[in-house]
Amino acid sequence: MTIEQLSEQLKTLHNDLIRSNPPQVMTSREAGQFLGVTDETMFRWRKDGVGPSYSQPNSRVVRYLHSDLVAWMKEHKS
């Protein structure tokens, strides 16, 4: 097994862990992993005002609550 393959497996395991046992407060990246979208998509949703609720205690920190993400997913399921 190559380093690249091992790295890819670790990323997959990390994403699965975030989805199955998410922290109560998440960074934008963690929230994106939980929702299955990129960090760039999370940024665009914040900018456009269409994504889940978030907290921004200062200009550099964005946090999402797990309960807000679940509620947003329920509201937007197809």
Protein backbone atom coordinates (compact mmCIF):
# COMPACT_ATOMS: atom_id res chain seq x y z
CA MET A 1 0.00 0.00 0.00
CA THR A 2 1.36 3.41 -0.97
CA ILE A 3 1.44 6.53 1.19
CA GLU A 4 -1.16 8.12 -1.09
CA GLN A 5 -3.54 5.17 -0.70
CA LEU A 6 -3.07 5.20 3.05
CA SER A 7 -3.69 8.93 3.16
CA GLU A 8 -6.89 8.52 1.15
CA GLN A 9 -8.10 5.76 3.47
CA LEU A 10 -7.44 7.97 6.50
CA LYS A 11 -9.42 10.83 4.93
CA THR A 12 -12.32 8.49 4.23
CA LEU A 13 -12.25 7.12 7.79
CA HIS A 14 -12.12 10.64 9.22
CA ASN A 15 -15.10 11.73 7.11
CA ASP A 16 -17.05 8.63 8.17
CA LEU A 17 -16.24 9.35 11.82
CA ILE A 18 -17.42 12.96 11.53
CA ARG A 19 -20.69 11.81 9.98
CA SER A 20 -21.34 9.00 12.45
CA ASN A 21 -20.16 10.71 15.65
CA PRO A 22 -20.09 14.46 15.03
CA PRO A 23 -18.88 16.95 17.61
CA GLN A 24 -21.55 19.28 19.01
CA VAL A 25 -19.68 22.37 17.78
CA MET A 26 -17.95 22.17 14.39
CA THR A 27 -15.63 24.24 12.27
CA SER A 28 -16.69 25.11 8.75
CA ARG A 29 -14.61 22.25 7.38
CA GLU A 30 -16.09 19.72 9.81
CA ALA A 31 -19.61 20.96 9.07
CA GLY A 32 -18.91 20.61 5.35
CA GLN A 33 -17.67 17.06 5.86
CA PHE A 34 -20.79 16.27 7.87
CA LEU A 35 -23.01 17.68 5.09
CA GLY A 36 -20.89 16.18 2.30
CA VAL A 37 -19.86 19.50 0.74
CA THR A 38 -16.58 21.39 0.46
CA ASP A 39 -15.35 24.17 2.72
CA GLU A 40 -15.70 26.49 -0.28
CA THR A 41 -19.39 25.60 -0.53
CA MET A 42 -19.85 26.40 3.16
CA PHE A 43 -18.19 29.80 2.59
CA ARG A 44 -20.40 30.51 -0.43
CA TRP A 45 -23.54 29.54 1.50
CA ARG A 46 -22.54 31.92 4.33
CA LYS A 47 -21.83 34.70 1.85
CA ASP A 48 -25.15 34.14 0.02
CA GLY A 49 -27.14 33.61 3.22
CA VAL A 50 -28.55 30.24 2.11
CA GLY A 51 -26.78 27.70 4.33
CA PRO A 52 -27.30 26.50 7.87
CA SER A 53 -27.15 28.81 10.87
CA TYR A 54 -23.71 29.58 12.21
CA SER A 55 -21.97 31.62 14.85
CA GLN A 56 -19.13 34.03 14.10
CA PRO A 57 -17.67 35.37 17.35
CA ASN A 58 -15.02 37.30 15.42
CA SER A 59 -14.03 37.85 11.80
CA ARG A 60 -11.80 34.76 11.64
CA VAL A 61 -13.84 32.15 13.53
CA VAL A 62 -16.98 30.42 12.26
CA ARG A 63 -18.71 27.63 14.18
CA TYR A 64 -21.73 25.45 13.48
CA LEU A 65 -23.87 23.57 15.99
CA HIS A 66 -24.64 19.95 15.14
CA SER A 67 -28.31 20.51 15.96
CA ASP A 68 -28.47 23.45 13.51
CA LEU A 69 -26.97 21.33 10.74
CA VAL A 70 -29.46 18.51 11.33
CA ALA A 71 -32.37 20.97 11.41
CA TRP A 72 -31.17 22.61 8.19
CA MET A 73 -30.85 19.20 6.48
CA LYS A 74 -34.40 18.29 7.54
CA GLU A 75 -35.73 21.58 6.12
CA HIS A 76 -33.93 21.09 2.81
CA LYS A 77 -34.36 17.42 2.06
CA SER A 78 -35.64 16.65 -1.40
